[in-house]
Amino acid sequence: LVNDGHGLTVTTVVVKPKSRGEVRLKSANPTDMPAVSPNLLK
């Protein structure tokens, strides 16, 4: 979509989102990362 070079990026952010996600366990093993579902823009 775009070649690397001189330019700028403007990131737009929704400041008071209504979407809700969750964090769950993958297992009882403490070394496992949690299962994350942020549901951004849902």
ModelCIF file with pLDDT and N, C-alpha, C, O atoms, coordinates in Angstrom:
data_MODEL
#
_entry.id   MODEL 
#
_entity.id                         1 
_entity.type                       polymer 
_entity.pdbx_number_of_molecules   1 
#
_entity_poly.entity_id                      1 
_entity_poly.type                           'polypeptide(L)' 
_entity_poly.nstd_linkage                   no 
_entity_poly.nstd_monomer                   no 
_entity_poly.pdbx_seq_one_letter_code       LVNDGHGLTVTTVVVKPKSRGEVRLKSANPTDMPAVSPNLLK 
_entity_poly.pdbx_seq_one_letter_code_can   LVNDGHGLTVTTVVVKPKSRGEVRLKSANPTDMPAVSPNLLK 
_entity_poly.pdbx_strand_id                 A 
#
loop_
_entity_poly_seq.entity_id 
_entity_poly_seq.num 
_entity_poly_seq.mon_id 
_entity_poly_seq.hetero 
1 1  LEU n 
1 2  VAL n 
1 3  ASN n 
1 4  ASP n 
1 5  GLY n 
1 6  HIS n 
1 7  GLY n 
1 8  LEU n 
1 9  THR n 
1 10 VAL n 
1 11 THR n 
1 12 THR n 
1 13 VAL n 
1 14 VAL n 
1 15 VAL n 
1 16 LYS n 
1 17 PRO n 
1 18 LYS n 
1 19 SER n 
1 20 ARG n 
1 21 GLY n 
1 22 GLU n 
1 23 VAL n 
1 24 ARG n 
1 25 LEU n 
1 26 LYS n 
1 27 SER n 
1 28 ALA n 
1 29 ASN n 
1 30 PRO n 
1 31 THR n 
1 32 ASP n 
1 33 MET n 
1 34 PRO n 
1 35 ALA n 
1 36 VAL n 
1 37 SER n 
1 38 PRO n 
1 39 ASN n 
1 40 LEU n 
1 41 LEU n 
1 42 LYS n 
#
_struct_asym.id          A 
_struct_asym.entity_id   1 
#
loop_
_ma_qa_metric.id 
_ma_qa_metric.mode 
_ma_qa_metric.name 
_ma_qa_metric.software_group_id 
_ma_qa_metric.type 
1 global pLDDT . pLDDT 
2 local  pLDDT . pLDDT 
#
_ma_qa_metric_global.metric_id      1 
_ma_qa_metric_global.metric_value   95.36 
_ma_qa_metric_global.model_id       1 
_ma_qa_metric_global.ordinal_id     1 
#
loop_
_ma_qa_metric_local.label_asym_id 
_ma_qa_metric_local.label_comp_id 
_ma_qa_metric_local.label_seq_id 
_ma_qa_metric_local.metric_id 
_ma_qa_metric_local.metric_value 
_ma_qa_metric_local.model_id 
_ma_qa_metric_local.ordinal_id 
A LEU 1  2 76.00 1 1  
A VAL 2  2 80.00 1 2  
A ASN 3  2 80.00 1 3  
A ASP 4  2 82.00 1 4  
A GLY 5  2 89.00 1 5  
A HIS 6  2 93.00 1 6  
A GLY 7  2 94.00 1 7  
A LEU 8  2 95.00 1 8  
A THR 9  2 95.00 1 9  
A VAL 10 2 97.00 1 10 
A THR 11 2 97.00 1 11 
A THR 12 2 98.00 1 12 
A VAL 13 2 98.00 1 13 
A VAL 14 2 98.00 1 14 
A VAL 15 2 98.00 1 15 
A LYS 16 2 98.00 1 16 
A PRO 17 2 98.00 1 17 
A LYS 18 2 98.00 1 18 
A SER 19 2 98.00 1 19 
A ARG 20 2 98.00 1 20 
A GLY 21 2 98.00 1 21 
A GLU 22 2 98.00 1 22 
A VAL 23 2 98.00 1 23 
A ARG 24 2 98.00 1 24 
A LEU 25 2 98.00 1 25 
A LYS 26 2 97.00 1 26 
A SER 27 2 97.00 1 27 
A ALA 28 2 97.00 1 28 
A ASN 29 2 97.00 1 29 
A PRO 30 2 96.00 1 30 
A THR 31 2 95.00 1 31 
A ASP 32 2 97.00 1 32 
A MET 33 2 97.00 1 33 
A PRO 34 2 98.00 1 34 
A ALA 35 2 98.00 1 35 
A VAL 36 2 98.00 1 36 
A SER 37 2 98.00 1 37 
A PRO 38 2 98.00 1 38 
A ASN 39 2 98.00 1 39 
A LEU 40 2 98.00 1 40 
A LEU 41 2 98.00 1 41 
A LYS 42 2 98.00 1 42 
#
loop_
_atom_site.group_PDB 
_atom_site.id 
_atom_site.type_symbol 
_atom_site.label_atom_id 
_atom_site.label_alt_id 
_atom_site.label_comp_id 
_atom_site.label_asym_id 
_atom_site.label_entity_id 
_atom_site.label_seq_id 
_atom_site.pdbx_PDB_ins_code 
_atom_site.Cartn_x 
_atom_site.Cartn_y 
_atom_site.Cartn_z 
_atom_site.occupancy 
_atom_site.B_iso_or_equiv 
_atom_site.pdbx_formal_charge 
_atom_site.auth_seq_id 
_atom_site.auth_comp_id 
_atom_site.auth_asym_id 
_atom_site.auth_atom_id 
_atom_site.pdbx_PDB_model_num 
ATOM 1   N N  . LEU A 1 1  ? 0.811   -1.213  0.000  1.00 76.00 ? 1  LEU A N  1 
ATOM 2   C CA . LEU A 1 1  ? 0.000   0.000   0.000  1.00 76.00 ? 1  LEU A CA 1 
ATOM 3   C C  . LEU A 1 1  ? 0.844   1.262   0.000  1.00 76.00 ? 1  LEU A C  1 
ATOM 4   O O  . LEU A 1 1  ? 0.429   2.292   -0.532 1.00 76.00 ? 1  LEU A O  1 
ATOM 5   N N  . VAL A 1 2  ? 2.031   1.184   0.598  1.00 80.00 ? 2  VAL A N  1 
ATOM 6   C CA . VAL A 1 2  ? 2.853   2.380   0.717  1.00 80.00 ? 2  VAL A CA 1 
ATOM 7   C C  . VAL A 1 2  ? 4.319   1.981   0.795  1.00 80.00 ? 2  VAL A C  1 
ATOM 8   O O  . VAL A 1 2  ? 4.666   0.981   1.422  1.00 80.00 ? 2  VAL A O  1 
ATOM 9   N N  . ASN A 1 3  ? 5.173   2.766   0.156  1.00 80.00 ? 3  ASN A N  1 
ATOM 10  C CA . ASN A 1 3  ? 6.603   2.553   0.225  1.00 80.00 ? 3  ASN A CA 1 
ATOM 11  C C  . ASN A 1 3  ? 7.189   3.347   1.382  1.00 80.00 ? 3  ASN A C  1 
ATOM 12  O O  . ASN A 1 3  ? 6.708   4.429   1.717  1.00 80.00 ? 3  ASN A O  1 
ATOM 13  N N  . ASP A 1 4  ? 8.229   2.795   1.985  1.00 82.00 ? 4  ASP A N  1 
ATOM 14  C CA . ASP A 1 4  ? 8.894   3.502   3.068  1.00 82.00 ? 4  ASP A CA 1 
ATOM 15  C C  . ASP A 1 4  ? 9.523   4.783   2.529  1.00 82.00 ? 4  ASP A C  1 
ATOM 16  O O  . ASP A 1 4  ? 10.077  4.791   1.429  1.00 82.00 ? 4  ASP A O  1 
ATOM 17  N N  . GLY A 1 5  ? 9.439   5.850   3.292  1.00 89.00 ? 5  GLY A N  1 
ATOM 18  C CA . GLY A 1 5  ? 9.993   7.123   2.850  1.00 89.00 ? 5  GLY A CA 1 
ATOM 19  C C  . GLY A 1 5  ? 9.568   8.248   3.766  1.00 89.00 ? 5  GLY A C  1 
ATOM 20  O O  . GLY A 1 5  ? 9.039   8.011   4.852  1.00 89.00 ? 5  GLY A O  1 
ATOM 21  N N  . HIS A 1 6  ? 9.800   9.479   3.326  1.00 93.00 ? 6  HIS A N  1 
ATOM 22  C CA . HIS A 1 6  ? 9.408   10.645  4.108  1.00 93.00 ? 6  HIS A CA 1 
ATOM 23  C C  . HIS A 1 6  ? 7.886   10.765  4.132  1.00 93.00 ? 6  HIS A C  1 
ATOM 24  O O  . HIS A 1 6  ? 7.221   10.569  3.115  1.00 93.00 ? 6  HIS A O  1 
ATOM 25  N N  . GLY A 1 7  ? 7.349   11.087  5.295  1.00 94.00 ? 7  GLY A N  1 
ATOM 26  C CA . GLY A 1 7  ? 5.903   11.241  5.405  1.00 94.00 ? 7  GLY A CA 1 
ATOM 27  C C  . GLY A 1 7  ? 5.476   11.390  6.844  1.00 94.00 ? 7  GLY A C  1 
ATOM 28  O O  . GLY A 1 7  ? 6.288   11.660  7.729  1.00 94.00 ? 7  GLY A O  1 
ATOM 29  N N  . LEU A 1 8  ? 4.201   11.211  7.062  1.00 95.00 ? 8  LEU A N  1 
ATOM 30  C CA . LEU A 1 8  ? 3.688   11.258  8.428  1.00 95.00 ? 8  LEU A CA 1 
ATOM 31  C C  . LEU A 1 8  ? 2.498   10.321  8.566  1.00 95.00 ? 8  LEU A C  1 
ATOM 32  O O  . LEU A 1 8  ? 1.833   9.970   7.591  1.00 95.00 ? 8  LEU A O  1 
ATOM 33  N N  . THR A 1 9  ? 2.253   9.930   9.813  1.00 95.00 ? 9  THR A N  1 
ATOM 34  C CA . THR A 1 9  ? 1.107   9.088   10.142 1.00 95.00 ? 9  THR A CA 1 
ATOM 35  C C  . THR A 1 9  ? 0.314   9.781   11.243 1.00 95.00 ? 9  THR A C  1 
ATOM 36  O O  . THR A 1 9  ? 0.871   10.195  12.260 1.00 95.00 ? 9  THR A O  1 
ATOM 37  N N  . VAL A 1 10 ? -0.976  9.901   11.029 1.00 97.00 ? 10 VAL A N  1 
ATOM 38  C CA . VAL A 1 10 ? -1.878  10.415  12.055 1.00 97.00 ? 10 VAL A CA 1 
ATOM 39  C C  . VAL A 1 10 ? -2.715  9.243   12.545 1.00 97.00 ? 10 VAL A C  1 
ATOM 40  O O  . VAL A 1 10 ? -3.482  8.659   11.779 1.00 97.00 ? 10 VAL A O  1 
ATOM 41  N N  . THR A 1 11 ? -2.570  8.904   13.803 1.00 97.00 ? 11 THR A N  1 
ATOM 42  C CA . THR A 1 11 ? -3.393  7.831   14.366 1.00 97.00 ? 11 THR A CA 1 
ATOM 43  C C  . THR A 1 11 ? -4.597  8.450   15.065 1.00 97.00 ? 11 THR A C  1 
ATOM 44  O O  . THR A 1 11 ? -4.459  9.369   15.872 1.00 97.00 ? 11 THR A O  1 
ATOM 45  N N  . THR A 1 12 ? -5.759  7.939   14.745 1.00 98.00 ? 12 THR A N  1 
ATOM 46  C CA . THR A 1 12 ? -6.998  8.401   15.372 1.00 98.00 ? 12 THR A CA 1 
ATOM 47  C C  . THR A 1 12 ? -7.455  7.366   16.394 1.00 98.00 ? 12 THR A C  1 
ATOM 48  O O  . THR A 1 12 ? -7.415  6.163   16.138 1.00 98.00 ? 12 THR A O  1 
ATOM 49  N N  . VAL A 1 13 ? -7.887  7.850   17.549 1.00 98.00 ? 13 VAL A N  1 
ATOM 50  C CA . VAL A 1 13 ? -8.204  6.993   18.689 1.00 98.00 ? 13 VAL A CA 1 
ATOM 51  C C  . VAL A 1 13 ? -9.580  7.365   19.229 1.00 98.00 ? 13 VAL A C  1 
ATOM 52  O O  . VAL A 1 13 ? -9.856  8.542   19.462 1.00 98.00 ? 13 VAL A O  1 
ATOM 53  N N  . VAL A 1 14 ? -10.439 6.379   19.429 1.00 98.00 ? 14 VAL A N  1 
ATOM 54  C CA . VAL A 1 14 ? -11.731 6.594   20.089 1.00 98.00 ? 14 VAL A CA 1 
ATOM 55  C C  . VAL A 1 14 ? -11.472 6.672   21.592 1.00 98.00 ? 14 VAL A C  1 
ATOM 56  O O  . VAL A 1 14 ? -10.998 5.705   22.187 1.00 98.00 ? 14 VAL A O  1 
ATOM 57  N N  . VAL A 1 15 ? -11.780 7.820   22.213 1.00 98.00 ? 15 VAL A N  1 
ATOM 58  C CA . VAL A 1 15 ? -11.340 8.052   23.588 1.00 98.00 ? 15 VAL A CA 1 
ATOM 59  C C  . VAL A 1 15 ? -12.255 7.442   24.648 1.00 98.00 ? 15 VAL A C  1 
ATOM 60  O O  . VAL A 1 15 ? -11.797 7.149   25.752 1.00 98.00 ? 15 VAL A O  1 
ATOM 61  N N  . LYS A 1 16 ? -13.537 7.245   24.338 1.00 98.00 ? 16 LYS A N  1 
ATOM 62  C CA . LYS A 1 16 ? -14.446 6.635   25.313 1.00 98.00 ? 16 LYS A CA 1 
ATOM 63  C C  . LYS A 1 16 ? -15.177 5.459   24.641 1.00 98.00 ? 16 LYS A C  1 
ATOM 64  O O  . LYS A 1 16 ? -16.385 5.522   24.412 1.00 98.00 ? 16 LYS A O  1 
ATOM 65  N N  . PRO A 1 17 ? -14.434 4.393   24.331 1.00 98.00 ? 17 PRO A N  1 
ATOM 66  C CA . PRO A 1 17 ? -15.049 3.279   23.601 1.00 98.00 ? 17 PRO A CA 1 
ATOM 67  C C  . PRO A 1 17 ? -16.104 2.552   24.426 1.00 98.00 ? 17 PRO A C  1 
ATOM 68  O O  . PRO A 1 17 ? -16.030 2.476   25.652 1.00 98.00 ? 17 PRO A O  1 
ATOM 69  N N  . LYS A 1 18 ? -17.082 2.024   23.708 1.00 98.00 ? 18 LYS A N  1 
ATOM 70  C CA . LYS A 1 18 ? -18.141 1.238   24.341 1.00 98.00 ? 18 LYS A CA 1 
ATOM 71  C C  . LYS A 1 18 ? -17.898 -0.266  24.211 1.00 98.00 ? 18 LYS A C  1 
ATOM 72  O O  . LYS A 1 18 ? -18.548 -1.056  24.897 1.00 98.00 ? 18 LYS A O  1 
ATOM 73  N N  . SER A 1 19 ? -16.988 -0.662  23.358 1.00 98.00 ? 19 SER A N  1 
ATOM 74  C CA . SER A 1 19 ? -16.674 -2.082  23.185 1.00 98.00 ? 19 SER A CA 1 
ATOM 75  C C  . SER A 1 19 ? -16.049 -2.631  24.464 1.00 98.00 ? 19 SER A C  1 
ATOM 76  O O  . SER A 1 19 ? -15.284 -1.946  25.143 1.00 98.00 ? 19 SER A O  1 
ATOM 77  N N  . ARG A 1 20 ? -16.383 -3.862  24.773 1.00 98.00 ? 20 ARG A N  1 
ATOM 78  C CA . ARG A 1 20 ? -15.845 -4.522  25.956 1.00 98.00 ? 20 ARG A CA 1 
ATOM 79  C C  . ARG A 1 20 ? -15.330 -5.907  25.573 1.00 98.00 ? 20 ARG A C  1 
ATOM 80  O O  . ARG A 1 20 ? -15.955 -6.633  24.801 1.00 98.00 ? 20 ARG A O  1 
ATOM 81  N N  . GLY A 1 21 ? -14.177 -6.249  26.132 1.00 98.00 ? 21 GLY A N  1 
ATOM 82  C CA . GLY A 1 21 ? -13.586 -7.556  25.878 1.00 98.00 ? 21 GLY A CA 1 
ATOM 83  C C  . GLY A 1 21 ? -13.398 -8.316  27.171 1.00 98.00 ? 21 GLY A C  1 
ATOM 84  O O  . GLY A 1 21 ? -14.064 -8.042  28.169 1.00 98.00 ? 21 GLY A O  1 
ATOM 85  N N  . GLU A 1 22 ? -12.477 -9.285  27.148 1.00 98.00 ? 22 GLU A N  1 
ATOM 86  C CA . GLU A 1 22 ? -12.260 -10.087 28.342 1.00 98.00 ? 22 GLU A CA 1 
ATOM 87  C C  . GLU A 1 22 ? -10.863 -10.694 28.346 1.00 98.00 ? 22 GLU A C  1 
ATOM 88  O O  . GLU A 1 22 ? -10.211 -10.820 27.310 1.00 98.00 ? 22 GLU A O  1 
ATOM 89  N N  . VAL A 1 23 ? -10.426 -11.064 29.547 1.00 98.00 ? 23 VAL A N  1 
ATOM 90  C CA . VAL A 1 23 ? -9.191  -11.810 29.764 1.00 98.00 ? 23 VAL A CA 1 
ATOM 91  C C  . VAL A 1 23 ? -9.574  -13.108 30.467 1.00 98.00 ? 23 VAL A C  1 
ATOM 92  O O  . VAL A 1 23 ? -10.253 -13.097 31.494 1.00 98.00 ? 23 VAL A O  1 
ATOM 93  N N  . ARG A 1 24 ? -9.128  -14.227 29.897 1.00 98.00 ? 24 ARG A N  1 
ATOM 94  C CA . ARG A 1 24 ? -9.425  -15.537 30.472 1.00 98.00 ? 24 ARG A CA 1 
ATOM 95  C C  . ARG A 1 24 ? -8.128  -16.320 30.635 1.00 98.00 ? 24 ARG A C  1 
ATOM 96  O O  . ARG A 1 24 ? -7.097  -15.951 30.072 1.00 98.00 ? 24 ARG A O  1 
ATOM 97  N N  . LEU A 1 25 ? -8.185  -17.382 31.393 1.00 98.00 ? 25 LEU A N  1 
ATOM 98  C CA . LEU A 1 25 ? -7.039  -18.274 31.523 1.00 98.00 ? 25 LEU A CA 1 
ATOM 99  C C  . LEU A 1 25 ? -6.983  -19.234 30.339 1.00 98.00 ? 25 LEU A C  1 
ATOM 100 O O  . LEU A 1 25 ? -8.012  -19.721 29.870 1.00 98.00 ? 25 LEU A O  1 
ATOM 101 N N  . LYS A 1 26 ? -5.773  -19.495 29.866 1.00 97.00 ? 26 LYS A N  1 
ATOM 102 C CA . LYS A 1 26 ? -5.599  -20.581 28.895 1.00 97.00 ? 26 LYS A CA 1 
ATOM 103 C C  . LYS A 1 26 ? -5.499  -21.922 29.615 1.00 97.00 ? 26 LYS A C  1 
ATOM 104 O O  . LYS A 1 26 ? -5.944  -22.951 29.106 1.00 97.00 ? 26 LYS A O  1 
ATOM 105 N N  . SER A 1 27 ? -4.911  -21.890 30.796 1.00 97.00 ? 27 SER A N  1 
ATOM 106 C CA . SER A 1 27 ? -4.766  -23.100 31.597 1.00 97.00 ? 27 SER A CA 1 
ATOM 107 C C  . SER A 1 27 ? -4.439  -22.678 33.019 1.00 97.00 ? 27 SER A C  1 
ATOM 108 O O  . SER A 1 27 ? -4.374  -21.486 33.322 1.00 97.00 ? 27 SER A O  1 
ATOM 109 N N  . ALA A 1 28 ? -4.233  -23.654 33.888 1.00 97.00 ? 28 ALA A N  1 
ATOM 110 C CA . ALA A 1 28 ? -3.820  -23.376 35.263 1.00 97.00 ? 28 ALA A CA 1 
ATOM 111 C C  . ALA A 1 28 ? -2.306  -23.270 35.384 1.00 97.00 ? 28 ALA A C  1 
ATOM 112 O O  . ALA A 1 28 ? -1.780  -23.109 36.485 1.00 97.00 ? 28 ALA A O  1 
ATOM 113 N N  . ASN A 1 29 ? -1.615  -23.359 34.274 1.00 97.00 ? 29 ASN A N  1 
ATOM 114 C CA . ASN A 1 29 ? -0.158  -23.237 34.275 1.00 97.00 ? 29 ASN A CA 1 
ATOM 115 C C  . ASN A 1 29 ? 0.227   -21.764 34.345 1.00 97.00 ? 29 ASN A C  1 
ATOM 116 O O  . ASN A 1 29 ? -0.104  -21.008 33.432 1.00 97.00 ? 29 ASN A O  1 
ATOM 117 N N  . PRO A 1 30 ? 0.913   -21.334 35.398 1.00 96.00 ? 30 PRO A N  1 
ATOM 118 C CA . PRO A 1 30 ? 1.248   -19.909 35.536 1.00 96.00 ? 30 PRO A CA 1 
ATOM 119 C C  . PRO A 1 30 ? 2.124   -19.361 34.431 1.00 96.00 ? 30 PRO A C  1 
ATOM 120 O O  . PRO A 1 30 ? 2.174   -18.147 34.234 1.00 96.00 ? 30 PRO A O  1 
ATOM 121 N N  . THR A 1 31 ? 2.825   -20.233 33.698 1.00 95.00 ? 31 THR A N  1 
ATOM 122 C CA . THR A 1 31 ? 3.708   -19.745 32.640 1.00 95.00 ? 31 THR A CA 1 
ATOM 123 C C  . THR A 1 31 ? 2.953   -19.428 31.348 1.00 95.00 ? 31 THR A C  1 
ATOM 124 O O  . THR A 1 31 ? 3.508   -18.790 30.453 1.00 95.00 ? 31 THR A O  1 
ATOM 125 N N  . ASP A 1 32 ? 1.711   -19.861 31.240 1.00 97.00 ? 32 ASP A N  1 
ATOM 126 C CA . ASP A 1 32 ? 0.926   -19.571 30.040 1.00 97.00 ? 32 ASP A CA 1 
ATOM 127 C C  . ASP A 1 32 ? 0.439   -18.125 30.054 1.00 97.00 ? 32 ASP A C  1 
ATOM 128 O O  . ASP A 1 32 ? 0.005   -17.610 31.084 1.00 97.00 ? 32 ASP A O  1 
ATOM 129 N N  . MET A 1 33 ? 0.518   -17.484 28.895 1.00 97.00 ? 33 MET A N  1 
ATOM 130 C CA . MET A 1 33 ? -0.059  -16.155 28.769 1.00 97.00 ? 33 MET A CA 1 
ATOM 131 C C  . MET A 1 33 ? -1.585  -16.271 28.843 1.00 97.00 ? 33 MET A C  1 
ATOM 132 O O  . MET A 1 33 ? -2.136  -17.321 28.511 1.00 97.00 ? 33 MET A O  1 
ATOM 133 N N  . PRO A 1 34 ? -2.268  -15.219 29.270 1.00 98.00 ? 34 PRO A N  1 
ATOM 134 C CA . PRO A 1 34 ? -3.731  -15.275 29.291 1.00 98.00 ? 34 PRO A CA 1 
ATOM 135 C C  . PRO A 1 34 ? -4.316  -15.206 27.885 1.00 98.00 ? 34 PRO A C  1 
ATOM 136 O O  . PRO A 1 34 ? -3.648  -14.776 26.945 1.00 98.00 ? 34 PRO A O  1 
ATOM 137 N N  . ALA A 1 35 ? -5.560  -15.630 27.754 1.00 98.00 ? 35 ALA A N  1 
ATOM 138 C CA . ALA A 1 35 ? -6.292  -15.505 26.493 1.00 98.00 ? 35 ALA A CA 1 
ATOM 139 C C  . ALA A 1 35 ? -6.993  -14.151 26.494 1.00 98.00 ? 35 ALA A C  1 
ATOM 140 O O  . ALA A 1 35 ? -7.844  -13.890 27.344 1.00 98.00 ? 35 ALA A O  1 
ATOM 141 N N  . VAL A 1 36 ? -6.636  -13.289 25.542 1.00 98.00 ? 36 VAL A N  1 
ATOM 142 C CA . VAL A 1 36 ? -7.116  -11.906 25.540 1.00 98.00 ? 36 VAL A CA 1 
ATOM 143 C C  . VAL A 1 36 ? -7.975  -11.655 24.310 1.00 98.00 ? 36 VAL A C  1 
ATOM 144 O O  . VAL A 1 36 ? -7.577  -11.965 23.188 1.00 98.00 ? 36 VAL A O  1 
ATOM 145 N N  . SER A 1 37 ? -9.149  -11.095 24.531 1.00 98.00 ? 37 SER A N  1 
ATOM 146 C CA . SER A 1 37 ? -10.042 -10.707 23.433 1.00 98.00 ? 37 SER A CA 1 
ATOM 147 C C  . SER A 1 37 ? -10.509 -9.277  23.683 1.00 98.00 ? 37 SER A C  1 
ATOM 148 O O  . SER A 1 37 ? -11.463 -9.073  24.434 1.00 98.00 ? 37 SER A O  1 
ATOM 149 N N  . PRO A 1 38 ? -9.854  -8.265  23.066 1.00 98.00 ? 38 PRO A N  1 
ATOM 150 C CA . PRO A 1 38 ? -10.206 -6.872  23.362 1.00 98.00 ? 38 PRO A CA 1 
ATOM 151 C C  . PRO A 1 38 ? -11.452 -6.369  22.645 1.00 98.00 ? 38 PRO A C  1 
ATOM 152 O O  . PRO A 1 38 ? -12.062 -5.394  23.084 1.00 98.00 ? 38 PRO A O  1 
ATOM 153 N N  . ASN A 1 39 ? -11.839 -7.019  21.545 1.00 98.00 ? 39 ASN A N  1 
ATOM 154 C CA . ASN A 1 39 ? -13.047 -6.628  20.799 1.00 98.00 ? 39 ASN A CA 1 
ATOM 155 C C  . ASN A 1 39 ? -13.022 -5.169  20.337 1.00 98.00 ? 39 ASN A C  1 
ATOM 156 O O  . ASN A 1 39 ? -14.041 -4.480  20.391 1.00 98.00 ? 39 ASN A O  1 
ATOM 157 N N  . LEU A 1 40 ? -11.868 -4.706  19.887 1.00 98.00 ? 40 LEU A N  1 
ATOM 158 C CA . LEU A 1 40 ? -11.742 -3.322  19.432 1.00 98.00 ? 40 LEU A CA 1 
ATOM 159 C C  . LEU A 1 40 ? -12.715 -3.034  18.293 1.00 98.00 ? 40 LEU A C  1 
ATOM 160 O O  . LEU A 1 40 ? -12.806 -3.799  17.333 1.00 98.00 ? 40 LEU A O  1 
ATOM 161 N N  . LEU A 1 41 ? -13.433 -1.932  18.408 1.00 98.00 ? 41 LEU A N  1 
ATOM 162 C CA . LEU A 1 41 ? -14.401 -1.461  17.402 1.00 98.00 ? 41 LEU A CA 1 
ATOM 163 C C  . LEU A 1 41 ? -15.579 -2.413  17.205 1.00 98.00 ? 41 LEU A C  1 
ATOM 164 O O  . LEU A 1 41 ? -16.272 -2.322  16.192 1.00 98.00 ? 41 LEU A O  1 
ATOM 165 N N  . LYS A 1 42 ? -15.818 -3.307  18.131 1.00 98.00 ? 42 LYS A N  1 
ATOM 166 C CA . LYS A 1 42 ? -16.944 -4.231  17.965 1.00 98.00 ? 42 LYS A CA 1 
ATOM 167 C C  . LYS A 1 42 ? -18.278 -3.513  18.141 1.00 98.00 ? 42 LYS A C  1 
ATOM 168 O O  . LYS A 1 42 ? -19.334 -4.137  18.035 1.00 98.00 ? 42 LYS A O  1 
#
